[in-house]
C-alpha atoms as a PDB file:
ATOM      1  CA  UNK A   1    -109.255-141.777  -3.074  1.00  0.00           C
ATOM      2  CA  UNK A   2    -110.511-139.241  -1.330  1.00  0.00           C
ATOM      3  CA  UNK A   3    -112.461-136.291  -3.412  1.00  0.00           C
ATOM      4  CA  UNK A   4    -113.073-132.630  -2.827  1.00  0.00           C
ATOM      5  CA  UNK A   5    -115.162-129.691  -3.500  1.00  0.00           C
ATOM      6  CA  UNK A   6    -117.513-129.503  -6.274  1.00  0.00           C
ATOM      7  CA  UNK A   7    -117.777-132.453  -8.361  1.00  0.00           C
ATOM      8  CA  UNK A   8    -120.217-131.732 -11.518  1.00  0.00           C
ATOM      9  CA  UNK A   9    -119.516-131.752 -15.238  1.00  0.00           C
ATOM     10  CA  UNK A  10    -117.036-129.715 -15.201  1.00  0.00           C
ATOM     11  CA  UNK A  11    -114.477-131.621 -13.420  1.00  0.00           C
ATOM     12  CA  UNK A  12    -115.636-134.839 -15.121  1.00  0.00           C
ATOM     13  CA  UNK A  13    -112.724-135.538 -17.159  1.00  0.00           C
ATOM     14  CA  UNK A  14    -110.423-135.157 -14.122  1.00  0.00           C
ATOM     15  CA  UNK A  15    -112.752-137.544 -12.140  1.00  0.00           C
ATOM     16  CA  UNK A  16    -113.173-140.133 -14.957  1.00  0.00           C
ATOM     17  CA  UNK A  17    -109.140-139.985 -15.775  1.00  0.00           C
ATOM     18  CA  UNK A  18    -108.280-140.336 -11.960  1.00  0.00           C
ATOM     19  CA  UNK A  19    -111.250-143.317 -11.350  1.00  0.00           C
ATOM     20  CA  UNK A  20    -110.206-145.074 -14.073  1.00  0.00           C
ATOM     21  CA  UNK A  21    -106.226-144.862 -13.313  1.00  0.00           C
ATOM     22  CA  UNK A  22    -107.113-145.303  -9.818  1.00  0.00           C
ATOM     23  CA  UNK A  23    -109.030-148.804 -10.367  1.00  0.00           C
ATOM     24  CA  UNK A  24    -106.465-150.121 -12.277  1.00  0.00           C
ATOM     25  CA  UNK A  25    -103.838-149.804 -10.206  1.00  0.00           C
ATOM     26  CA  UNK A  26    -104.830-150.557  -6.602  1.00  0.00           C
ATOM     27  CA  UNK A  27    -103.890-153.721  -5.284  1.00  0.00           C
ATOM     28  CA  UNK A  28    -106.482-153.986  -2.603  1.00  0.00           C
ATOM     29  CA  UNK A  29    -109.869-155.308  -3.165  1.00  0.00           C
ATOM     30  CA  UNK A  30    -111.437-152.658  -2.707  1.00  0.00           C
ATOM     31  CA  UNK A  31    -111.363-148.858  -3.951  1.00  0.00           C
ATOM     32  CA  UNK A  32    -112.615-146.590  -1.024  1.00  0.00           C
ATOM     33  CA  UNK A  33    -113.629-143.400  -2.539  1.00  0.00           C
ATOM     34  CA  UNK A  34    -114.424-140.476   0.601  1.00  0.00           C
ATOM     35  CA  UNK A  35    -116.703-138.095  -0.634  1.00  0.00           C
ATOM     36  CA  UNK A  36    -116.877-136.423   2.750  1.00  0.00           C
ATOM     37  CA  UNK A  37    -114.995-133.104   1.953  1.00  0.00           C
ATOM     38  CA  UNK A  38    -117.300-133.123  -1.032  1.00  0.00           C
ATOM     39  CA  UNK A  39    -119.410-129.874  -0.910  1.00  0.00           C
ATOM     40  CA  UNK A  40    -121.468-130.453  -4.402  1.00  0.00           C
ATOM     41  CA  UNK A  41    -122.021-133.527  -6.853  1.00  0.00           C
ATOM     42  CA  UNK A  42    -124.169-133.863  -9.622  1.00  0.00           C
ATOM     43  CA  UNK A  43    -126.224-136.844 -11.361  1.00  0.00           C
ATOM     44  CA  UNK A  44    -122.982-137.011 -13.902  1.00  0.00           C
ATOM     45  CA  UNK A  45    -120.652-138.179 -10.861  1.00  0.00           C
ATOM     46  CA  UNK A  46    -123.130-140.709 -10.095  1.00  0.00           C
ATOM     47  CA  UNK A  47    -122.900-142.071 -13.362  1.00  0.00           C
ATOM     48  CA  UNK A  48    -119.228-142.089 -13.573  1.00  0.00           C
ATOM     49  CA  UNK A  49    -119.204-143.403  -9.970  1.00  0.00           C
ATOM     50  CA  UNK A  50    -121.099-146.010 -11.407  1.00  0.00           C
ATOM     51  CA  UNK A  51    -118.896-147.009 -14.600  1.00  0.00           C
ATOM     52  CA  UNK A  52    -115.887-146.934 -12.053  1.00  0.00           C
ATOM     53  CA  UNK A  53    -117.924-149.787 -10.536  1.00  0.00           C
ATOM     54  CA  UNK A  54    -118.268-151.907 -13.128  1.00  0.00           C
ATOM     55  CA  UNK A  55    -114.874-151.219 -14.006  1.00  0.00           C
ATOM     56  CA  UNK A  56    -113.376-152.549 -11.103  1.00  0.00           C
ATOM     57  CA  UNK A  57    -116.125-155.365 -10.906  1.00  0.00           C
ATOM     58  CA  UNK A  58    -114.375-157.079 -13.968  1.00  0.00           C
ATOM     59  CA  UNK A  59    -111.169-156.654 -12.714  1.00  0.00           C
ATOM     60  CA  UNK A  60    -112.593-158.572  -9.756  1.00  0.00           C
ATOM     61  CA  UNK A  61    -112.067-155.377  -7.407  1.00  0.00           C
ATOM     62  CA  UNK A  62    -115.019-153.205  -5.986  1.00  0.00           C
ATOM     63  CA  UNK A  63    -115.777-149.747  -5.428  1.00  0.00           C
ATOM     64  CA  UNK A  64    -117.250-148.396  -1.568  1.00  0.00           C
ATOM     65  CA  UNK A  65    -118.324-144.949  -1.057  1.00  0.00           C
ATOM     66  CA  UNK A  66    -117.529-143.056   2.337  1.00  0.00           C
ATOM     67  CA  UNK A  67    -119.914-139.916   2.945  1.00  0.00           C
ATOM     68  CA  UNK A  68    -121.994-138.137   5.417  1.00  0.00           C
ATOM     69  CA  UNK A  69    -123.718-135.499   4.028  1.00  0.00           C
ATOM     70  CA  UNK A  70    -127.441-135.827   3.896  1.00  0.00           C
ATOM     71  CA  UNK A  71    -127.786-134.151   0.099  1.00  0.00           C
ATOM     72  CA  UNK A  72    -125.335-137.192  -1.221  1.00  0.00           C
ATOM     73  CA  UNK A  73    -127.581-139.462   0.346  1.00  0.00           C
ATOM     74  CA  UNK A  74    -130.675-138.040  -1.536  1.00  0.00           C
ATOM     75  CA  UNK A  75    -129.278-138.074  -4.749  1.00  0.00           C
ATOM     76  CA  UNK A  76    -128.406-141.275  -4.678  1.00  0.00           C
ATOM     77  CA  UNK A  77    -131.630-141.986  -3.249  1.00  0.00           C
ATOM     78  CA  UNK A  78    -133.093-140.193  -6.521  1.00  0.00           C
ATOM     79  CA  UNK A  79    -130.970-142.265  -9.115  1.00  0.00           C
ATOM     80  CA  UNK A  80    -131.918-145.665  -7.284  1.00  0.00           C
ATOM     81  CA  UNK A  81    -128.506-146.343  -6.123  1.00  0.00           C
ATOM     82  CA  UNK A  82    -128.421-146.710  -2.428  1.00  0.00           C
ATOM     83  CA  UNK A  83    -128.164-150.411  -2.833  1.00  0.00           C
ATOM     84  CA  UNK A  84    -125.362-149.947  -4.881  1.00  0.00           C
ATOM     85  CA  UNK A  85    -123.464-147.760  -3.266  1.00  0.00           C
ATOM     86  CA  UNK A  86    -124.736-147.898   0.881  1.00  0.00           C
ATOM     87  CA  UNK A  87    -123.228-145.273   3.156  1.00  0.00           C
ATOM     88  CA  UNK A  88    -120.116-145.950   5.302  1.00  0.00           C
ATOM     89  CA  UNK A  89    -119.310-143.712   8.008  1.00  0.00           C
ATOM     90  CA  UNK A  90    -115.507-143.962   7.533  1.00  0.00           C
ATOM     91  CA  UNK A  91    -112.851-145.418   5.456  1.00  0.00           C
ATOM     92  CA  UNK A  92    -112.301-148.069   8.248  1.00  0.00           C
ATOM     93  CA  UNK A  93    -116.016-148.912   8.079  1.00  0.00           C
ATOM     94  CA  UNK A  94    -115.294-149.216   4.091  1.00  0.00           C
ATOM     95  CA  UNK A  95    -112.768-151.282   4.652  1.00  0.00           C
ATOM     96  CA  UNK A  96    -114.602-153.746   6.665  1.00  0.00           C
ATOM     97  CA  UNK A  97    -117.905-153.346   4.855  1.00  0.00           C
ATOM     98  CA  UNK A  98    -119.807-152.022   7.865  1.00  0.00           C
ATOM     99  CA  UNK A  99    -122.249-149.646   6.018  1.00  0.00           C
ATOM    100  CA  UNK A 100    -124.438-147.199   8.250  1.00  0.00           C
ATOM    101  CA  UNK A 101    -127.919-145.953   7.483  1.00  0.00           C
ATOM    102  CA  UNK A 102    -128.205-142.781   5.196  1.00  0.00           C
ATOM    103  CA  UNK A 103    -128.639-139.449   6.894  1.00  0.00           C
ATOM    104  CA  UNK A 104    -131.380-137.805   5.889  1.00  0.00           C
END
């Protein structure tokens, strides 16, 4: 799944619907969420990603994030979510489980 633009409270219903549907329908072990085209996200997005990850885990799957923006790394750190959402530099890295240290 590739997200783009600004992800904030104004788009939360759209994001929630998309994440819930995708996690339930995916047949693979991982839901890969590519955030590289995202220009802004706020704490409501982090909260929704955590909820989506919990739902994926309940169905025996996982959720991995692909991102390279320093602002995402900082926001995840502020929310204590860097361990929960380690950085993957590409979708191939996410599929393989290769983590990349966050950019500061």
